[in-house]
Amino acid sequence: MSLMRRVLLAGSTNTWLRERATRAPFVRRSVRRFMPGEGIDDAIRAAEGLRPQGITTILTALGENLTTSGEAESVADHYVEVFETVSSSGLDAQISVKPTQLGLDLDPALCERHLDRLLACADTHGSFLWIDMESSPYVDRTLALYRRARARSNRVGLALQAYLFRTANDLESLLPLGPAIRIVKGAYLEPPEVAYPRKRDVDENFYRLCLRLMSGDAQNAGALLHIATHDQALIRRLRDHAVAHQVPRSGFEFAMLYGIAVAEQKRLVADGLPVRVLVSYGEGWFPWYMRRLAERPANVWFVLKNAFG
C-alpha cells in the first residue's frame, strides 16, 4: 500500500482533521466532484439527470458508526421516506445502507429490526436494498445480517471486498443462496494479515471473484454481480469475458460512483451494457470522501487546485 493511501485512510478516522476539513470551503468545493449535495433532493435530481442517459442509480446517505439508538432510528425513518419518494418518482434507484448506520455497534438486534423494516419497504415498492460492507471486524456480523435478510427476500444484496484474503471463501459460502453481490476493492485501512497490501493482487482477486459470479453454476443459481470499479483495464477484461461467455445481461451490472469515470459510464451504456451509479449524499461525508481520495491519490491534486485556483 502506498504511503499516500495509508495517510489518507488514517486521516479518514481523525476527528481533529474532520472538524476542520468539513468547514474548509475548498474541501467542500472539491467534494462536489463526487457528491451532488448533502440532501436527498440533491441525490434525486442527480438520479433524474442520469436517467435519460440510460443509467440507473443507487442512493446512499453517508454516515457510519452511529452512537445512539435515536440516530439509528432516524436513519431507518429516512430510508423509508426515500423508498417512498423513489417509488412515486418512477426512478430505478435502489438503496444502500451501512449496518453501523442502523445501530450495529449498539445492538445487533436493533440493527436487524431496522434492516427488516427497510427490506419490507423494498418488497412493498418492488425495489432493492444493498447492505454495504465496512471494515474487517464487521464482516462476520454483516454476513449474518445478509443471510438472515436473504432468507426473507431476494430483494437484498451485499458488498464484498476484494482486498480481504477471506472473501473468496465467503463468496463460495453464499453462492447457494443465489446472491446479489457487489464486488468492490475495499477502502479501509486494514492490517497486512487480513488484506492484500499490493494493488495488483487486489485487482487480480477482484477479477477472479467477478468471474466466479459470472460462472455457469453461479448464474444458474440466480446470482447477480455488481462490478464496482472504475479501473478501465478491469472493466475491459470483465466486459470481454461476459461477451465471450454469453453471460446474460440480467446477471451483471457495472457499478460506479457519481462524477467518476463519466466517459466510461457512457461508453458502457453505448455498448448496451447495464450501468448503475452510486449517488451519495448527507452531512457525514468526510470519512467517505477521504476513502475516495485514497482510492486514487491523484485526486489530491484536484483538491489542491480548488484550494489555490
Foldseek 3Di string as FASTA:
>chain_A
DDPLLLVLQVVLPDPVCVVVLLPDPLSVVLCCLFAQEFDVVSLVVLQVVCVVLQAAAEEEEDDFQDDDQVQLVVVLVVLLVVLVVCLVVVGQYAYEYELRSNPCVPDLVSSLVSVVSNLVSCVVSVHAYEYEDADDVCVVVSLVSVVVSLVVHQRYAYEDALFFPCRVVSLVVCLLSLHEYEYDNDQHDDDVVTGPPDPVSSLVSLLVSLVVCQDPSSVVSNYAYEDEDLPPVSVVVSVVVCVVVVRDLRRYAYEYTPNPNPVVQSVCVVVVHHYYYYHYHHDNCSSVVSSVCSVPVVCVVVSVVSVPD
